[in-house]
N, C-alpha and C. Protein backbone atom coordinates (compact mmCIF):
# COMPACT_ATOMS: atom_id res chain seq x y z
N UNK A 1 10.94 3.45 -12.13
CA UNK A 1 9.83 2.65 -12.61
C UNK A 1 9.63 2.95 -14.08
N UNK A 2 9.54 1.93 -14.87
CA UNK A 2 9.37 2.16 -16.30
C UNK A 2 7.94 2.60 -16.61
N UNK A 3 7.74 3.09 -17.80
CA UNK A 3 6.45 3.65 -18.20
C UNK A 3 5.33 2.63 -18.08
N UNK A 4 5.58 1.40 -18.50
CA UNK A 4 4.54 0.37 -18.44
C UNK A 4 4.09 0.14 -17.00
N UNK A 5 5.04 0.08 -16.07
CA UNK A 5 4.70 -0.13 -14.66
C UNK A 5 3.90 1.05 -14.12
N UNK A 6 4.26 2.26 -14.51
CA UNK A 6 3.52 3.44 -14.06
C UNK A 6 2.08 3.43 -14.58
N UNK A 7 1.93 3.09 -15.83
CA UNK A 7 0.59 3.03 -16.41
C UNK A 7 -0.23 1.94 -15.73
N UNK A 8 0.40 0.81 -15.43
CA UNK A 8 -0.29 -0.27 -14.74
C UNK A 8 -0.75 0.20 -13.36
N UNK A 9 0.13 0.91 -12.65
CA UNK A 9 -0.23 1.42 -11.33
C UNK A 9 -1.38 2.42 -11.39
N UNK A 10 -1.33 3.32 -12.33
CA UNK A 10 -2.40 4.30 -12.50
C UNK A 10 -3.68 3.58 -12.89
N UNK A 11 -3.56 2.59 -13.77
CA UNK A 11 -4.74 1.82 -14.20
C UNK A 11 -5.40 1.10 -13.04
N UNK A 12 -4.58 0.63 -12.11
CA UNK A 12 -5.13 -0.07 -10.95
C UNK A 12 -6.00 0.86 -10.12
N UNK A 13 -5.63 2.13 -10.05
CA UNK A 13 -6.43 3.09 -9.30
C UNK A 13 -7.61 3.62 -10.10
N UNK A 14 -7.66 3.31 -11.38
CA UNK A 14 -8.80 3.71 -12.20
C UNK A 14 -10.04 2.90 -11.82
N UNK A 15 -9.83 1.73 -11.24
CA UNK A 15 -10.94 0.92 -10.75
C UNK A 15 -11.56 1.65 -9.55
N UNK A 16 -12.87 1.86 -9.60
CA UNK A 16 -13.55 2.65 -8.56
C UNK A 16 -13.36 2.07 -7.16
N UNK A 17 -13.49 0.76 -7.02
CA UNK A 17 -13.35 0.15 -5.70
C UNK A 17 -11.94 0.32 -5.17
N UNK A 18 -10.93 0.06 -6.01
CA UNK A 18 -9.54 0.23 -5.55
C UNK A 18 -9.24 1.68 -5.21
N UNK A 19 -9.77 2.61 -5.99
CA UNK A 19 -9.55 4.02 -5.69
C UNK A 19 -10.18 4.39 -4.35
N UNK A 20 -11.39 3.91 -4.10
CA UNK A 20 -12.05 4.19 -2.83
C UNK A 20 -11.27 3.59 -1.66
N UNK A 21 -10.76 2.38 -1.85
CA UNK A 21 -9.92 1.75 -0.82
C UNK A 21 -8.67 2.58 -0.57
N UNK A 22 -7.98 2.92 -1.64
CA UNK A 22 -6.75 3.71 -1.56
C UNK A 22 -7.01 5.02 -0.83
N UNK A 23 -8.07 5.68 -1.20
CA UNK A 23 -8.41 6.98 -0.60
C UNK A 23 -8.74 6.83 0.88
N UNK A 24 -9.57 5.84 1.21
CA UNK A 24 -9.94 5.65 2.61
C UNK A 24 -8.72 5.30 3.46
N UNK A 25 -7.89 4.41 2.96
CA UNK A 25 -6.69 4.02 3.71
C UNK A 25 -5.76 5.21 3.89
N UNK A 26 -5.61 6.01 2.85
CA UNK A 26 -4.74 7.18 2.93
C UNK A 26 -5.27 8.22 3.90
N UNK A 27 -6.55 8.44 3.90
CA UNK A 27 -7.14 9.44 4.79
C UNK A 27 -7.18 8.97 6.24
N UNK A 28 -7.28 7.66 6.44
CA UNK A 28 -7.38 7.15 7.81
C UNK A 28 -6.05 7.33 8.55
N UNK A 29 -4.94 7.17 7.85
CA UNK A 29 -3.63 7.34 8.46
C UNK A 29 -3.30 6.29 9.51
N UNK A 30 -3.97 5.15 9.45
CA UNK A 30 -3.74 4.08 10.43
C UNK A 30 -4.09 2.74 9.79
N UNK A 31 -3.76 1.68 10.48
CA UNK A 31 -4.14 0.35 10.01
C UNK A 31 -5.67 0.22 10.10
N UNK A 32 -6.26 -0.37 9.08
CA UNK A 32 -7.71 -0.51 9.02
C UNK A 32 -8.03 -1.97 8.72
N UNK A 33 -8.97 -2.52 9.45
CA UNK A 33 -9.35 -3.92 9.24
C UNK A 33 -10.23 -4.06 8.00
N UNK A 34 -10.28 -5.27 7.47
CA UNK A 34 -11.16 -5.55 6.33
C UNK A 34 -12.61 -5.32 6.75
N UNK A 35 -12.92 -5.66 7.98
CA UNK A 35 -14.29 -5.46 8.47
C UNK A 35 -14.66 -3.98 8.44
N UNK A 36 -13.76 -3.12 8.90
CA UNK A 36 -14.04 -1.68 8.87
C UNK A 36 -14.18 -1.18 7.45
N UNK A 37 -13.26 -1.61 6.58
CA UNK A 37 -13.36 -1.22 5.17
C UNK A 37 -14.69 -1.66 4.58
N UNK A 38 -15.08 -2.88 4.89
CA UNK A 38 -16.33 -3.43 4.38
C UNK A 38 -17.51 -2.58 4.81
N UNK A 39 -17.51 -2.21 6.08
CA UNK A 39 -18.60 -1.38 6.61
C UNK A 39 -18.60 0.01 6.00
N UNK A 40 -17.45 0.65 5.98
CA UNK A 40 -17.34 2.02 5.48
C UNK A 40 -17.66 2.15 4.00
N UNK A 41 -17.24 1.13 3.22
CA UNK A 41 -17.43 1.20 1.77
C UNK A 41 -18.67 0.44 1.30
N UNK A 42 -19.39 -0.16 2.24
CA UNK A 42 -20.61 -0.93 1.93
C UNK A 42 -20.35 -2.02 0.91
N UNK A 43 -19.26 -2.76 1.13
CA UNK A 43 -18.91 -3.87 0.24
C UNK A 43 -18.59 -5.10 1.08
N UNK A 44 -18.91 -6.26 0.56
CA UNK A 44 -18.62 -7.52 1.25
C UNK A 44 -17.11 -7.71 1.34
N UNK A 45 -16.60 -8.25 2.45
CA UNK A 45 -15.16 -8.48 2.59
C UNK A 45 -14.56 -9.30 1.44
N UNK A 46 -15.31 -10.27 0.94
CA UNK A 46 -14.79 -11.08 -0.17
C UNK A 46 -14.65 -10.27 -1.46
N UNK A 47 -15.39 -9.19 -1.56
CA UNK A 47 -15.24 -8.29 -2.70
C UNK A 47 -13.98 -7.44 -2.55
N UNK A 48 -13.69 -7.07 -1.32
CA UNK A 48 -12.54 -6.20 -1.06
C UNK A 48 -11.20 -6.90 -1.18
N UNK A 49 -11.13 -8.16 -0.77
CA UNK A 49 -9.84 -8.86 -0.67
C UNK A 49 -9.02 -8.85 -1.96
N UNK A 50 -9.60 -9.16 -3.12
CA UNK A 50 -8.77 -9.11 -4.34
C UNK A 50 -8.24 -7.72 -4.65
N UNK A 51 -9.02 -6.71 -4.33
CA UNK A 51 -8.59 -5.33 -4.55
C UNK A 51 -7.44 -4.96 -3.60
N UNK A 52 -7.55 -5.41 -2.37
CA UNK A 52 -6.47 -5.16 -1.41
C UNK A 52 -5.19 -5.88 -1.83
N UNK A 53 -5.33 -7.11 -2.34
CA UNK A 53 -4.15 -7.84 -2.82
C UNK A 53 -3.49 -7.09 -3.98
N UNK A 54 -4.28 -6.53 -4.88
CA UNK A 54 -3.73 -5.80 -6.02
C UNK A 54 -2.99 -4.55 -5.54
N UNK A 55 -3.57 -3.82 -4.60
CA UNK A 55 -2.88 -2.65 -4.05
C UNK A 55 -1.59 -3.06 -3.34
N UNK A 56 -1.64 -4.18 -2.65
CA UNK A 56 -0.44 -4.67 -1.96
C UNK A 56 0.66 -5.02 -2.97
N UNK A 57 0.29 -5.63 -4.09
CA UNK A 57 1.26 -5.95 -5.14
C UNK A 57 1.90 -4.68 -5.70
N UNK A 58 1.08 -3.66 -5.94
CA UNK A 58 1.61 -2.40 -6.46
C UNK A 58 2.56 -1.75 -5.46
N UNK A 59 2.20 -1.78 -4.20
CA UNK A 59 3.06 -1.21 -3.17
C UNK A 59 4.40 -1.95 -3.11
N UNK A 60 4.35 -3.29 -3.20
CA UNK A 60 5.58 -4.08 -3.17
C UNK A 60 6.48 -3.73 -4.35
N UNK A 61 5.88 -3.54 -5.52
CA UNK A 61 6.67 -3.18 -6.71
C UNK A 61 7.36 -1.83 -6.52
N UNK A 62 6.63 -0.86 -5.99
CA UNK A 62 7.21 0.47 -5.77
C UNK A 62 8.32 0.41 -4.73
N UNK A 63 8.08 -0.33 -3.66
CA UNK A 63 9.10 -0.48 -2.63
C UNK A 63 10.36 -1.12 -3.19
N UNK A 64 10.18 -2.17 -3.99
CA UNK A 64 11.34 -2.84 -4.59
C UNK A 64 12.14 -1.86 -5.44
N UNK A 65 11.44 -1.05 -6.22
CA UNK A 65 12.13 -0.09 -7.07
C UNK A 65 12.88 0.96 -6.26
N UNK A 66 12.23 1.47 -5.23
CA UNK A 66 12.86 2.50 -4.41
C UNK A 66 14.06 1.96 -3.62
N UNK A 67 13.99 0.71 -3.21
CA UNK A 67 15.06 0.14 -2.40
C UNK A 67 16.14 -0.54 -3.23
N UNK A 68 15.92 -0.69 -4.51
CA UNK A 68 16.88 -1.40 -5.38
C UNK A 68 18.30 -0.86 -5.29
N UNK A 69 18.50 0.46 -5.21
CA UNK A 69 19.89 0.96 -5.15
C UNK A 69 20.61 0.65 -3.83
N UNK A 70 19.86 0.24 -2.80
CA UNK A 70 20.46 0.01 -1.49
C UNK A 70 21.01 -1.41 -1.36
N UNK A 71 22.12 -1.53 -0.66
CA UNK A 71 22.66 -2.85 -0.34
C UNK A 71 21.80 -3.47 0.76
N UNK A 72 22.01 -4.75 1.03
CA UNK A 72 21.26 -5.42 2.10
C UNK A 72 21.50 -4.74 3.44
N UNK A 73 22.74 -4.35 3.70
CA UNK A 73 23.07 -3.67 4.96
C UNK A 73 22.35 -2.31 5.04
N UNK A 74 22.29 -1.60 3.94
CA UNK A 74 21.61 -0.30 3.92
C UNK A 74 20.11 -0.47 4.13
N UNK A 75 19.55 -1.52 3.56
CA UNK A 75 18.11 -1.79 3.76
C UNK A 75 17.83 -2.08 5.23
N UNK A 76 18.70 -2.87 5.86
CA UNK A 76 18.52 -3.17 7.28
C UNK A 76 18.62 -1.91 8.13
N UNK A 77 19.58 -1.07 7.80
CA UNK A 77 19.75 0.18 8.54
C UNK A 77 18.52 1.07 8.37
N UNK A 78 18.01 1.17 7.15
CA UNK A 78 16.82 1.97 6.90
C UNK A 78 15.63 1.41 7.70
N UNK A 79 15.48 0.11 7.70
CA UNK A 79 14.39 -0.52 8.45
C UNK A 79 14.50 -0.21 9.94
N UNK A 80 15.71 -0.29 10.49
CA UNK A 80 15.90 0.03 11.91
C UNK A 80 15.53 1.49 12.19
N UNK A 81 15.98 2.39 11.35
CA UNK A 81 15.69 3.81 11.56
C UNK A 81 14.20 4.12 11.46
N UNK A 82 13.56 3.55 10.47
CA UNK A 82 12.12 3.78 10.32
C UNK A 82 11.34 3.18 11.49
N UNK A 83 11.78 2.04 11.99
CA UNK A 83 11.14 1.43 13.15
C UNK A 83 11.27 2.34 14.37
N UNK A 84 12.45 2.91 14.56
CA UNK A 84 12.65 3.83 15.68
C UNK A 84 11.73 5.06 15.56
N UNK A 85 11.61 5.57 14.37
CA UNK A 85 10.74 6.74 14.16
C UNK A 85 9.29 6.39 14.48
N UNK A 86 8.84 5.24 13.98
CA UNK A 86 7.45 4.83 14.23
C UNK A 86 7.21 4.60 15.72
N UNK A 87 8.14 3.97 16.39
CA UNK A 87 8.00 3.72 17.83
C UNK A 87 7.99 5.03 18.61
N UNK A 88 8.80 5.97 18.18
CA UNK A 88 8.86 7.27 18.84
C UNK A 88 7.52 8.02 18.75
N UNK A 89 6.87 7.89 17.61
CA UNK A 89 5.63 8.63 17.37
C UNK A 89 4.38 7.83 17.70
N UNK A 90 4.55 6.63 18.22
CA UNK A 90 3.38 5.78 18.54
C UNK A 90 2.66 6.26 19.78
């Protein structure tokens, strides 16, 4: 990831609402609904949605960078392995 992208990612977490979302999602360790986030953070769902979209964009960028060296076949293999791990621990 180049420096500009890193600074952009860090800047995104400088926003208090996004940081609170990031922290809550990380600590929960599970999928969380917008309704739950809204209740826990005392914010309207319509306020949360743009922040969630921004975090999703950042995650997609990081994933793209991490997976860039892999071929399509390697990505599929990684996806299968990760799915097996998740199913095993479910």
